[in-house]
Amino acid sequence: MKPPVFTDILDAKRVIDRYLQPTPLHHYPGLSSELGFETYIKHENHQPVGAFKVRGGINLISRLSAEEKTAGVISASTGNHGQSVAYAAKLFGVKAIIAVPEGANKDKVASMRALGATVETHGKDFDEARNWVEDQSRTRGYRYIHSANEPLLIAGVGTIGLEIVLMQPRIDVIIVPVGGGSGAAGVSIAAKAVNPNIRVIAVQSSHATVAYDSWREKRILSSNVSTTFADGMATRQAFELTQSVLVRNLDDFILVTDDELRGAIRMLFDYTHNVAEGAGAASLAAALKLRDQLRGKKVALDLSGGNLTSEMLKSIL
């Protein structure tokens, strides 16, 4: 596999624009005043499935061969990737099977089923569900859609970075959450192609650090620990394709605690009246830690998803 390049992202935008509206990039003066820098929120929570990954799903499934579409697709997800696959599969008339771990976000699971996907529960976390899916793909011939090692997914979600620089060409910094790393990889390819001086900063939970650790050590690692409530960042395995891009393109990579994520969810609700899930609030949590070095700059924060259950939102607020 080769990582996508900027022209792949341009081509992905051509496809995705047939099915999705560009999401807003809103400037919030009150939040900017509080933080000390011009703050722009990229509202991927406004996507039809409430999260950014739908871009990649449409870009990939639209390009499947006739044989792959007939066989159907299978994937593992904690929620947002599964919704993306389910949404795109319905759009293009493809059978989809999604494996989720025990205790997966019930709203995301309900959304997958409503979109027509068959949802199977396997394992205690994402990586155990992924292992089951990989076995099923080998034995039953489904087209396996990996959540990170897919160039077409990365190109699709890279359109977020392209939209940011089109909407605010003088942006200085983009902060992006990381689980498997497709979002940060794609955004960094687009941003650096347009302006190599844009700083791209990734953020992961300090309770699930395998992508961060792999980036620092420049090798692919796995872990036994993933205890964050932010399911979009809850992985125990780093992935070759996304890590190859992150190592090349990221200017920094930081960790935030679950308490810092909860504080960022509250702050986004107070200042923007938007609901962010844990991963969606990670970019703001990181910006709060970096506020001194970001002072006076134009900063885009990727609110990657808003699929927080009502029970969790009540608890956090």
C-alpha atoms as a PDB file:
ATOM      1  CA  MET A   1       0.000   0.000   0.000  1.00  0.00           C
ATOM      2  CA  LYS A   2       1.119   3.490  -0.818  1.00  0.00           C
ATOM      3  CA  PRO A   3      -0.287   6.475   1.079  1.00  0.00           C
ATOM      4  CA  PRO A   4      -2.420   8.866  -0.962  1.00  0.00           C
ATOM      5  CA  VAL A   5      -1.015  12.084  -2.345  1.00  0.00           C
ATOM      6  CA  PHE A   6      -2.642  15.473  -2.753  1.00  0.00           C
ATOM      7  CA  THR A   7      -4.109  14.666  -6.164  1.00  0.00           C
ATOM      8  CA  ASP A   8      -5.885  11.672  -4.604  1.00  0.00           C
ATOM      9  CA  ILE A   9      -7.522  14.031  -2.119  1.00  0.00           C
ATOM     10  CA  LEU A  10      -8.579  16.366  -4.936  1.00  0.00           C
ATOM     11  CA  ASP A  11     -10.102  13.377  -6.726  1.00  0.00           C
ATOM     12  CA  ALA A  12     -11.822  12.245  -3.523  1.00  0.00           C
ATOM     13  CA  LYS A  13     -13.372  15.690  -3.098  1.00  0.00           C
ATOM     14  CA  ARG A  14     -14.735  15.486  -6.646  1.00  0.00           C
ATOM     15  CA  VAL A  15     -16.521  12.235  -5.694  1.00  0.00           C
ATOM     16  CA  ILE A  16     -17.596  13.177  -2.165  1.00  0.00           C
ATOM     17  CA  ASP A  17     -19.082  16.518  -3.229  1.00  0.00           C
ATOM     18  CA  ARG A  18     -21.729  14.595  -5.178  1.00  0.00           C
ATOM     19  CA  TYR A  19     -23.097  13.172  -1.941  1.00  0.00           C
ATOM     20  CA  LEU A  20     -22.066  15.436   0.966  1.00  0.00           C
ATOM     21  CA  GLN A  21     -22.086  19.159   1.656  1.00  0.00           C
ATOM     22  CA  PRO A  22     -18.808  20.703   2.889  1.00  0.00           C
ATOM     23  CA  THR A  23     -19.016  21.098   6.669  1.00  0.00           C
ATOM     24  CA  PRO A  24     -18.774  24.578   8.230  1.00  0.00           C
ATOM     25  CA  LEU A  25     -15.583  26.138   9.553  1.00  0.00           C
ATOM     26  CA  HIS A  26     -16.929  28.592  12.113  1.00  0.00           C
ATOM     27  CA  HIS A  27     -14.993  31.289  13.926  1.00  0.00           C
ATOM     28  CA  TYR A  28     -16.104  31.804  17.546  1.00  0.00           C
ATOM     29  CA  PRO A  29     -15.103  35.212  18.995  1.00  0.00           C
ATOM     30  CA  GLY A  30     -15.983  34.279  22.591  1.00  0.00           C
ATOM     31  CA  LEU A  31     -13.971  31.071  22.486  1.00  0.00           C
ATOM     32  CA  SER A  32     -11.129  32.893  20.718  1.00  0.00           C
ATOM     33  CA  SER A  33     -11.042  35.527  23.450  1.00  0.00           C
ATOM     34  CA  GLU A  34     -10.961  32.844  26.141  1.00  0.00           C
ATOM     35  CA  LEU A  35      -8.146  30.923  24.455  1.00  0.00           C
ATOM     36  CA  GLY A  36      -6.007  33.844  23.259  1.00  0.00           C
ATOM     37  CA  PHE A  37      -5.937  32.885  19.584  1.00  0.00           C
ATOM     38  CA  GLU A  38      -8.324  32.947  16.609  1.00  0.00           C
ATOM     39  CA  THR A  39     -10.276  29.724  16.945  1.00  0.00           C
ATOM     40  CA  TYR A  40     -12.004  28.038  14.024  1.00  0.00           C
ATOM     41  CA  ILE A  41     -14.049  24.874  14.576  1.00  0.00           C
ATOM     42  CA  LYS A  42     -14.355  22.406  11.695  1.00  0.00           C
ATOM     43  CA  HIS A  43     -17.789  20.927  12.306  1.00  0.00           C
ATOM     44  CA  GLU A  44     -17.551  17.283  11.252  1.00  0.00           C
ATOM     45  CA  ASN A  45     -20.253  16.664  13.858  1.00  0.00           C
ATOM     46  CA  HIS A  46     -22.612  18.118  11.234  1.00  0.00           C
ATOM     47  CA  GLN A  47     -22.115  15.157   8.888  1.00  0.00           C
ATOM     48  CA  PRO A  48     -25.210  12.975   8.283  1.00  0.00           C
ATOM     49  CA  VAL A  49     -23.793  10.273  10.596  1.00  0.00           C
ATOM     50  CA  GLY A  50     -22.402  12.821  13.065  1.00  0.00           C
ATOM     51  CA  ALA A  51     -18.709  12.174  12.333  1.00  0.00           C
ATOM     52  CA  PHE A  52     -15.949  12.702   9.770  1.00  0.00           C
ATOM     53  CA  LYS A  53     -15.386   9.124   8.632  1.00  0.00           C
ATOM     54  CA  VAL A  54     -18.335   9.122   6.229  1.00  0.00           C
ATOM     55  CA  ARG A  55     -16.095  10.954   3.751  1.00  0.00           C
ATOM     56  CA  GLY A  56     -13.768   7.971   3.529  1.00  0.00           C
ATOM     57  CA  GLY A  57     -16.580   5.453   3.340  1.00  0.00           C
ATOM     58  CA  ILE A  58     -18.130   7.159   0.339  1.00  0.00           C
ATOM     59  CA  ASN A  59     -14.789   7.555  -1.428  1.00  0.00           C
ATOM     60  CA  LEU A  60     -13.903   3.872  -0.978  1.00  0.00           C
ATOM     61  CA  ILE A  61     -17.212   2.088  -1.521  1.00  0.00           C
ATOM     62  CA  SER A  62     -18.044   4.201  -4.585  1.00  0.00           C
ATOM     63  CA  ARG A  63     -14.921   2.728  -6.234  1.00  0.00           C
ATOM     64  CA  LEU A  64     -15.399  -0.975  -5.435  1.00  0.00           C
ATOM     65  CA  SER A  65     -15.388  -3.424  -8.309  1.00  0.00           C
ATOM     66  CA  ALA A  66     -18.602  -5.198  -9.317  1.00  0.00           C
ATOM     67  CA  GLU A  67     -17.246  -8.403  -7.733  1.00  0.00           C
ATOM     68  CA  GLU A  68     -16.491  -6.648  -4.430  1.00  0.00           C
ATOM     69  CA  LYS A  69     -19.923  -5.054  -4.331  1.00  0.00           C
ATOM     70  CA  THR A  70     -21.554  -8.432  -4.924  1.00  0.00           C
ATOM     71  CA  ALA A  71     -19.488 -10.092  -2.178  1.00  0.00           C
ATOM     72  CA  GLY A  72     -20.317  -7.351   0.334  1.00  0.00           C
ATOM     73  CA  VAL A  73     -18.091  -5.528   2.806  1.00  0.00           C
ATOM     74  CA  ILE A  74     -17.104  -6.219   6.395  1.00  0.00           C
ATOM     75  CA  SER A  75     -15.416  -4.034   8.968  1.00  0.00           C
ATOM     76  CA  ALA A  76     -14.791  -3.532  12.668  1.00  0.00           C
ATOM     77  CA  SER A  77     -15.623  -0.336  14.499  1.00  0.00           C
ATOM     78  CA  THR A  78     -16.314   1.273  17.848  1.00  0.00           C
ATOM     79  CA  GLY A  79     -18.969   3.274  16.022  1.00  0.00           C
ATOM     80  CA  ASN A  80     -18.071   6.091  13.641  1.00  0.00           C
ATOM     81  CA  HIS A  81     -16.163   4.049  11.071  1.00  0.00           C
ATOM     82  CA  GLY A  82     -19.000   1.515  11.142  1.00  0.00           C
ATOM     83  CA  GLN A  83     -21.560   4.232  10.526  1.00  0.00           C
ATOM     84  CA  SER A  84     -19.451   5.465   7.620  1.00  0.00           C
ATOM     85  CA  VAL A  85     -19.325   2.006   6.027  1.00  0.00           C
ATOM     86  CA  ALA A  86     -23.031   1.438   6.652  1.00  0.00           C
ATOM     87  CA  TYR A  87     -23.991   4.825   5.188  1.00  0.00           C
ATOM     88  CA  ALA A  88     -21.901   4.371   2.042  1.00  0.00           C
ATOM     89  CA  ALA A  89     -22.976   0.746   1.631  1.00  0.00           C
ATOM     90  CA  LYS A  90     -26.623   1.788   1.672  1.00  0.00           C
ATOM     91  CA  LEU A  91     -25.885   4.608  -0.761  1.00  0.00           C
ATOM     92  CA  PHE A  92     -24.335   2.217  -3.287  1.00  0.00           C
ATOM     93  CA  GLY A  93     -26.483  -0.872  -2.620  1.00  0.00           C
ATOM     94  CA  VAL A  94     -23.813  -3.025  -0.969  1.00  0.00           C
ATOM     95  CA  LYS A  95     -24.321  -5.516   1.875  1.00  0.00           C
ATOM     96  CA  ALA A  96     -22.361  -4.499   4.995  1.00  0.00           C
ATOM     97  CA  ILE A  97     -21.415  -6.401   8.152  1.00  0.00           C
ATOM     98  CA  ILE A  98     -19.986  -4.423  11.060  1.00  0.00           C
ATOM     99  CA  ALA A  99     -18.432  -5.993  14.161  1.00  0.00           C
ATOM    100  CA  VAL A 100     -18.528  -3.875  17.309  1.00  0.00           C
ATOM    101  CA  PRO A 101     -17.045  -4.619  20.738  1.00  0.00           C
ATOM    102  CA  GLU A 102     -19.106  -5.275  23.844  1.00  0.00           C
ATOM    103  CA  GLY A 103     -20.387  -2.041  25.365  1.00  0.00           C
ATOM    104  CA  ALA A 104     -20.170  -0.095  22.088  1.00  0.00           C
ATOM    105  CA  ASN A 105     -21.972   3.261  21.952  1.00  0.00           C
ATOM    106  CA  LYS A 106     -25.624   2.233  21.677  1.00  0.00           C
ATOM    107  CA  ASP A 107     -26.585   5.244  19.558  1.00  0.00           C
ATOM    108  CA  LYS A 108     -23.881   4.451  16.998  1.00  0.00           C
ATOM    109  CA  VAL A 109     -24.930   0.785  16.901  1.00  0.00           C
ATOM    110  CA  ALA A 110     -28.575   1.783  16.390  1.00  0.00           C
ATOM    111  CA  SER A 111     -27.537   4.108  13.570  1.00  0.00           C
ATOM    112  CA  MET A 112     -25.620   1.309  11.795  1.00  0.00           C
ATOM    113  CA  ARG A 113     -28.634  -0.985  11.994  1.00  0.00           C
ATOM    114  CA  ALA A 114     -30.978   1.770  10.802  1.00  0.00           C
ATOM    115  CA  LEU A 115     -28.725   2.230   7.788  1.00  0.00           C
ATOM    116  CA  GLY A 116     -29.192  -1.449   6.930  1.00  0.00           C
ATOM    117  CA  ALA A 117     -25.923  -2.957   8.154  1.00  0.00           C
ATOM    118  CA  THR A 118     -25.768  -6.278   9.982  1.00  0.00           C
ATOM    119  CA  VAL A 119     -24.139  -5.568  13.354  1.00  0.00           C
ATOM    120  CA  GLU A 120     -22.281  -8.333  15.213  1.00  0.00           C
ATOM    121  CA  THR A 121     -20.849  -7.997  18.740  1.00  0.00           C
ATOM    122  CA  HIS A 122     -17.434  -9.599  19.226  1.00  0.00           C
ATOM    123  CA  GLY A 123     -14.744  -9.033  21.844  1.00  0.00           C
ATOM    124  CA  LYS A 124     -14.127  -6.627  24.672  1.00  0.00           C
ATOM    125  CA  ASP A 125     -12.664  -3.833  22.518  1.00  0.00           C
ATOM    126  CA  PHE A 126     -12.063  -2.658  18.967  1.00  0.00           C
ATOM    127  CA  ASP A 127      -8.997  -4.806  18.371  1.00  0.00           C
ATOM    128  CA  GLU A 128     -10.756  -8.032  19.371  1.00  0.00           C
ATOM    129  CA  ALA A 129     -13.645  -7.139  17.059  1.00  0.00           C
ATOM    130  CA  ARG A 130     -11.116  -6.404  14.306  1.00  0.00           C
ATOM    131  CA  ASN A 131      -9.509  -9.834  14.702  1.00  0.00           C
ATOM    132  CA  TRP A 132     -12.896 -11.525  14.241  1.00  0.00           C
ATOM    133  CA  VAL A 133     -13.599  -9.445  11.128  1.00  0.00           C
ATOM    134  CA  GLU A 134     -10.242 -10.290   9.560  1.00  0.00           C
ATOM    135  CA  ASP A 135     -10.940 -13.994  10.064  1.00  0.00           C
ATOM    136  CA  GLN A 136     -14.418 -13.680   8.520  1.00  0.00           C
ATOM    137  CA  SER A 137     -13.035 -11.792   5.546  1.00  0.00           C
ATOM    138  CA  ARG A 138     -10.496 -14.549   4.844  1.00  0.00           C
ATOM    139  CA  THR A 139     -12.973 -17.421   5.175  1.00  0.00           C
ATOM    140  CA  ARG A 140     -16.085 -15.890   3.589  1.00  0.00           C
ATOM    141  CA  GLY A 141     -14.664 -13.655   0.879  1.00  0.00           C
ATOM    142  CA  TYR A 142     -16.067 -10.315   2.033  1.00  0.00           C
ATOM    143  CA  ARG A 143     -14.228  -7.120   1.058  1.00  0.00           C
ATOM    144  CA  TYR A 144     -12.540  -6.156   4.338  1.00  0.00           C
ATOM    145  CA  ILE A 145     -12.473  -2.395   4.958  1.00  0.00           C
ATOM    146  CA  HIS A 146      -9.704  -1.645   7.431  1.00  0.00           C
ATOM    147  CA  SER A 147     -10.291   1.460   9.522  1.00  0.00           C
ATOM    148  CA  ALA A 148      -6.814   2.879   8.802  1.00  0.00           C
ATOM    149  CA  ASN A 149      -4.791   0.866   6.248  1.00  0.00           C
ATOM    150  CA  GLU A 150      -6.928   2.026   3.319  1.00  0.00           C
ATOM    151  CA  PRO A 151      -5.534   4.717   0.984  1.00  0.00           C
ATOM    152  CA  LEU A 152      -9.022   5.605  -0.276  1.00  0.00           C
ATOM    153  CA  LEU A 153     -10.276   6.178   3.278  1.00  0.00           C
ATOM    154  CA  ILE A 154      -7.333   8.443   4.047  1.00  0.00           C
ATOM    155  CA  ALA A 155      -7.846  10.394   0.818  1.00  0.00           C
ATOM    156  CA  GLY A 156     -11.538  10.762   1.618  1.00  0.00           C
ATOM    157  CA  VAL A 157     -11.071  12.154   5.113  1.00  0.00           C
ATOM    158  CA  GLY A 158      -8.182  14.262   3.824  1.00  0.00           C
ATOM    159  CA  THR A 159     -10.811  16.472   2.208  1.00  0.00           C
ATOM    160  CA  ILE A 160     -11.312  17.958   5.692  1.00  0.00           C
ATOM    161  CA  GLY A 161      -7.866  19.565   5.446  1.00  0.00           C
ATOM    162  CA  LEU A 162      -8.566  20.741   1.919  1.00  0.00           C
ATOM    163  CA  GLU A 163     -11.817  22.408   3.022  1.00  0.00           C
ATOM    164  CA  ILE A 164     -10.088  24.107   5.959  1.00  0.00           C
ATOM    165  CA  VAL A 165      -7.474  25.802   3.778  1.00  0.00           C
ATOM    166  CA  LEU A 166     -10.054  26.720   1.136  1.00  0.00           C
ATOM    167  CA  MET A 167     -12.268  28.337   3.773  1.00  0.00           C
ATOM    168  CA  GLN A 168      -9.426  29.992   5.725  1.00  0.00           C
ATOM    169  CA  PRO A 169      -6.293  30.164   3.535  1.00  0.00           C
ATOM    170  CA  ARG A 170      -4.228  31.890   6.230  1.00  0.00           C
ATOM    171  CA  ILE A 171      -4.674  29.195   8.864  1.00  0.00           C
ATOM    172  CA  ASP A 172      -1.503  28.667  10.927  1.00  0.00           C
ATOM    173  CA  VAL A 173      -2.256  25.471  12.881  1.00  0.00           C
ATOM    174  CA  ILE A 174      -4.607  22.500  12.507  1.00  0.00           C
ATOM    175  CA  ILE A 175      -5.184  20.153  15.462  1.00  0.00           C
ATOM    176  CA  VAL A 176      -6.622  16.712  14.725  1.00  0.00           C
ATOM    177  CA  PRO A 177      -7.579  13.774  17.007  1.00  0.00           C
ATOM    178  CA  VAL A 178      -6.058  10.343  16.433  1.00  0.00           C
ATOM    179  CA  GLY A 179      -7.410   6.838  16.915  1.00  0.00           C
ATOM    180  CA  GLY A 180      -6.227   4.765  13.980  1.00  0.00           C
ATOM    181  CA  GLY A 181      -4.848   7.933  12.426  1.00  0.00           C
ATOM    182  CA  SER A 182      -6.699   8.215   9.105  1.00  0.00           C
ATOM    183  CA  GLY A 183      -8.032  11.692   9.870  1.00  0.00           C
ATOM    184  CA  ALA A 184      -4.719  13.197  10.942  1.00  0.00           C
ATOM    185  CA  ALA A 185      -2.909  11.488   8.055  1.00  0.00           C
ATOM    186  CA  GLY A 186      -5.329  12.765   5.429  1.00  0.00           C
ATOM    187  CA  VAL A 187      -5.570  16.279   6.854  1.00  0.00           C
ATOM    188  CA  SER A 188      -1.789  16.559   7.057  1.00  0.00           C
ATOM    189  CA  ILE A 189      -1.325  15.508   3.412  1.00  0.00           C
ATOM    190  CA  ALA A 190      -3.787  18.159   2.206  1.00  0.00           C
ATOM    191  CA  ALA A 191      -2.589  20.949   4.480  1.00  0.00           C
ATOM    192  CA  LYS A 192       1.117  20.430   3.828  1.00  0.00           C
ATOM    193  CA  ALA A 193       0.545  20.248   0.060  1.00  0.00           C
ATOM    194  CA  VAL A 194      -1.170  23.645   0.057  1.00  0.00           C
ATOM    195  CA  ASN A 195       1.132  25.291   2.604  1.00  0.00           C
ATOM    196  CA  PRO A 196       4.097  23.412   4.097  1.00  0.00           C
ATOM    197  CA  ASN A 197       4.278  26.013   6.867  1.00  0.00           C
ATOM    198  CA  ILE A 198       0.938  24.989   8.396  1.00  0.00           C
ATOM    199  CA  ARG A 199       1.607  23.189  11.658  1.00  0.00           C
ATOM    200  CA  VAL A 200      -0.378  19.958  11.993  1.00  0.00           C
ATOM    201  CA  ILE A 201      -0.692  18.682  15.558  1.00  0.00           C
ATOM    202  CA  ALA A 202      -2.202  15.323  16.493  1.00  0.00           C
ATOM    203  CA  VAL A 203      -3.776  14.462  19.836  1.00  0.00           C
ATOM    204  CA  GLN A 204      -4.641  11.166  21.510  1.00  0.00           C
ATOM    205  CA  SER A 205      -5.968  10.141  24.908  1.00  0.00           C
ATOM    206  CA  SER A 206      -3.370   9.481  27.603  1.00  0.00           C
ATOM    207  CA  HIS A 207      -5.456   6.377  28.410  1.00  0.00           C
ATOM    208  CA  ALA A 208      -4.902   4.879  24.917  1.00  0.00           C
ATOM    209  CA  THR A 209      -1.480   5.936  23.654  1.00  0.00           C
ATOM    210  CA  VAL A 210      -0.375   3.370  21.070  1.00  0.00           C
ATOM    211  CA  ALA A 211      -0.486   5.737  18.075  1.00  0.00           C
ATOM    212  CA  TYR A 212       1.382   8.419  20.050  1.00  0.00           C
ATOM    213  CA  ASP A 213       3.989   5.913  21.251  1.00  0.00           C
ATOM    214  CA  SER A 214       4.465   4.531  17.741  1.00  0.00           C
ATOM    215  CA  TRP A 215       4.936   8.032  16.334  1.00  0.00           C
ATOM    216  CA  ARG A 216       7.539   8.883  18.962  1.00  0.00           C
ATOM    217  CA  GLU A 217       9.468   5.640  18.502  1.00  0.00           C
ATOM    218  CA  LYS A 218       8.961   5.521  14.707  1.00  0.00           C
ATOM    219  CA  ARG A 219       7.908   1.878  14.768  1.00  0.00           C
ATOM    220  CA  ILE A 220       4.591   0.038  14.856  1.00  0.00           C
ATOM    221  CA  LEU A 221       3.553  -0.866  18.387  1.00  0.00           C
ATOM    222  CA  SER A 222       0.668  -2.649  20.064  1.00  0.00           C
ATOM    223  CA  SER A 223      -0.562  -2.305  23.627  1.00  0.00           C
ATOM    224  CA  ASN A 224      -2.647  -4.090  26.222  1.00  0.00           C
ATOM    225  CA  VAL A 225      -4.085  -0.808  27.525  1.00  0.00           C
ATOM    226  CA  SER A 226      -7.007   1.207  26.172  1.00  0.00           C
ATOM    227  CA  THR A 227      -9.159   2.585  28.970  1.00  0.00           C
ATOM    228  CA  THR A 228     -10.417   5.908  27.613  1.00  0.00           C
ATOM    229  CA  PHE A 229     -14.143   6.669  27.433  1.00  0.00           C
ATOM    230  CA  ALA A 230     -13.429   8.322  24.056  1.00  0.00           C
ATOM    231  CA  ASP A 231     -14.187   5.352  21.820  1.00  0.00           C
ATOM    232  CA  GLY A 232     -12.957   7.149  18.704  1.00  0.00           C
ATOM    233  CA  MET A 233      -9.435   7.060  20.148  1.00  0.00           C
ATOM    234  CA  ALA A 234      -9.660   3.680  21.901  1.00  0.00           C
ATOM    235  CA  THR A 235      -7.275   1.425  19.987  1.00  0.00           C
ATOM    236  CA  ARG A 236      -4.472  -0.866  21.148  1.00  0.00           C
ATOM    237  CA  GLN A 237      -2.775  -1.241  17.767  1.00  0.00           C
ATOM    238  CA  ALA A 238      -0.964   1.248  15.538  1.00  0.00           C
ATOM    239  CA  PHE A 239      -1.235   0.855  11.770  1.00  0.00           C
ATOM    240  CA  GLU A 240       1.491   0.958   9.143  1.00  0.00           C
ATOM    241  CA  LEU A 241      -0.097   3.177   6.509  1.00  0.00           C
ATOM    242  CA  THR A 242      -1.300   5.979   8.743  1.00  0.00           C
ATOM    243  CA  GLN A 243       1.850   5.933  10.871  1.00  0.00           C
ATOM    244  CA  SER A 244       4.026   6.321   7.774  1.00  0.00           C
ATOM    245  CA  VAL A 245       2.195   9.567   6.992  1.00  0.00           C
ATOM    246  CA  LEU A 246       2.116  10.826  10.584  1.00  0.00           C
ATOM    247  CA  VAL A 247       5.853  10.325  11.046  1.00  0.00           C
ATOM    248  CA  ARG A 248       6.518  12.312   7.881  1.00  0.00           C
ATOM    249  CA  ASN A 249       3.981  15.127   8.307  1.00  0.00           C
ATOM    250  CA  LEU A 250       3.182  15.858  11.955  1.00  0.00           C
ATOM    251  CA  ASP A 251       4.780  18.825  13.674  1.00  0.00           C
ATOM    252  CA  ASP A 252       3.742  17.650  17.136  1.00  0.00           C
ATOM    253  CA  PHE A 253       1.704  14.971  18.882  1.00  0.00           C
ATOM    254  CA  ILE A 254       0.370  15.394  22.412  1.00  0.00           C
ATOM    255  CA  LEU A 255      -1.719  13.502  24.944  1.00  0.00           C
ATOM    256  CA  VAL A 256      -4.756  14.665  26.922  1.00  0.00           C
ATOM    257  CA  THR A 257      -6.480  13.041  29.882  1.00  0.00           C
ATOM    258  CA  ASP A 258     -10.090  11.939  29.987  1.00  0.00           C
ATOM    259  CA  ASP A 259     -10.802  14.737  32.479  1.00  0.00           C
ATOM    260  CA  GLU A 260      -9.365  17.231  29.985  1.00  0.00           C
ATOM    261  CA  LEU A 261     -11.628  15.757  27.297  1.00  0.00           C
ATOM    262  CA  ARG A 262     -14.661  16.175  29.542  1.00  0.00           C
ATOM    263  CA  GLY A 263     -13.700  19.779  30.222  1.00  0.00           C
ATOM    264  CA  ALA A 264     -13.368  20.417  26.484  1.00  0.00           C
ATOM    265  CA  ILE A 265     -16.813  18.888  25.842  1.00  0.00           C
ATOM    266  CA  ARG A 266     -18.292  21.309  28.381  1.00  0.00           C
ATOM    267  CA  MET A 267     -16.415  24.251  26.872  1.00  0.00           C
ATOM    268  CA  LEU A 268     -17.572  23.437  23.340  1.00  0.00           C
ATOM    269  CA  PHE A 269     -21.141  23.187  24.583  1.00  0.00           C
ATOM    270  CA  ASP A 270     -20.884  26.504  26.429  1.00  0.00           C
ATOM    271  CA  TYR A 271     -19.219  28.507  23.638  1.00  0.00           C
ATOM    272  CA  THR A 272     -20.561  26.876  20.448  1.00  0.00           C
ATOM    273  CA  HIS A 273     -23.707  25.055  21.640  1.00  0.00           C
ATOM    274  CA  ASN A 274     -22.460  21.919  19.874  1.00  0.00           C
ATOM    275  CA  VAL A 275     -22.182  18.433  21.320  1.00  0.00           C
ATOM    276  CA  ALA A 276     -18.777  16.780  20.885  1.00  0.00           C
ATOM    277  CA  GLU A 277     -17.917  13.183  21.679  1.00  0.00           C
ATOM    278  CA  GLY A 278     -14.642  12.478  23.461  1.00  0.00           C
ATOM    279  CA  ALA A 279     -12.523  12.268  20.314  1.00  0.00           C
ATOM    280  CA  GLY A 280     -14.333  15.271  18.857  1.00  0.00           C
ATOM    281  CA  ALA A 281     -13.329  17.414  21.835  1.00  0.00           C
ATOM    282  CA  ALA A 282      -9.698  16.258  21.784  1.00  0.00           C
ATOM    283  CA  SER A 283      -8.493  19.059  19.503  1.00  0.00           C
ATOM    284  CA  LEU A 284      -9.811  21.694  21.920  1.00  0.00           C
ATOM    285  CA  ALA A 285      -8.355  19.834  24.902  1.00  0.00           C
ATOM    286  CA  ALA A 286      -4.980  19.899  23.148  1.00  0.00           C
ATOM    287  CA  ALA A 287      -5.338  23.587  22.274  1.00  0.00           C
ATOM    288  CA  LEU A 288      -5.944  24.407  25.937  1.00  0.00           C
ATOM    289  CA  LYS A 289      -2.657  22.702  26.839  1.00  0.00           C
ATOM    290  CA  LEU A 290      -0.830  24.534  24.034  1.00  0.00           C
ATOM    291  CA  ARG A 291      -2.513  27.923  24.410  1.00  0.00           C
ATOM    292  CA  ASP A 292       0.702  29.807  25.197  1.00  0.00           C
ATOM    293  CA  GLN A 293       2.462  28.698  22.007  1.00  0.00           C
ATOM    294  CA  LEU A 294      -0.705  29.230  19.950  1.00  0.00           C
ATOM    295  CA  ARG A 295      -1.303  32.799  21.155  1.00  0.00           C
ATOM    296  CA  GLY A 296      -2.069  35.193  18.307  1.00  0.00           C
ATOM    297  CA  LYS A 297      -2.364  32.466  15.667  1.00  0.00           C
ATOM    298  CA  LYS A 298      -5.215  31.234  13.493  1.00  0.00           C
ATOM    299  CA  VAL A 299      -6.006  27.718  14.699  1.00  0.00           C
ATOM    300  CA  ALA A 300      -8.441  25.181  13.210  1.00  0.00           C
ATOM    301  CA  LEU A 301      -9.768  22.546  15.612  1.00  0.00           C
ATOM    302  CA  ASP A 302     -11.223  19.399  14.076  1.00  0.00           C
ATOM    303  CA  LEU A 303     -14.448  18.593  15.929  1.00  0.00           C
ATOM    304  CA  SER A 304     -14.366  15.130  14.416  1.00  0.00           C
ATOM    305  CA  GLY A 305     -17.644  13.802  15.797  1.00  0.00           C
ATOM    306  CA  GLY A 306     -20.587  14.529  18.050  1.00  0.00           C
ATOM    307  CA  ASN A 307     -21.991  11.068  18.746  1.00  0.00           C
ATOM    308  CA  LEU A 308     -22.202  11.255  22.515  1.00  0.00           C
ATOM    309  CA  THR A 309     -25.062   9.428  24.236  1.00  0.00           C
ATOM    310  CA  SER A 310     -27.530  11.549  26.187  1.00  0.00           C
ATOM    311  CA  GLU A 311     -26.571   9.728  29.394  1.00  0.00           C
ATOM    312  CA  MET A 312     -22.897  10.535  28.936  1.00  0.00           C
ATOM    313  CA  LEU A 313     -23.626  14.160  28.038  1.00  0.00           C
ATOM    314  CA  LYS A 314     -25.736  14.594  31.174  1.00  0.00           C
ATOM    315  CA  SER A 315     -22.981  13.106  33.291  1.00  0.00           C
ATOM    316  CA  ILE A 316     -20.288  15.329  31.792  1.00  0.00           C
ATOM    317  CA  LEU A 317     -22.335  18.522  32.008  1.00  0.00           C
END
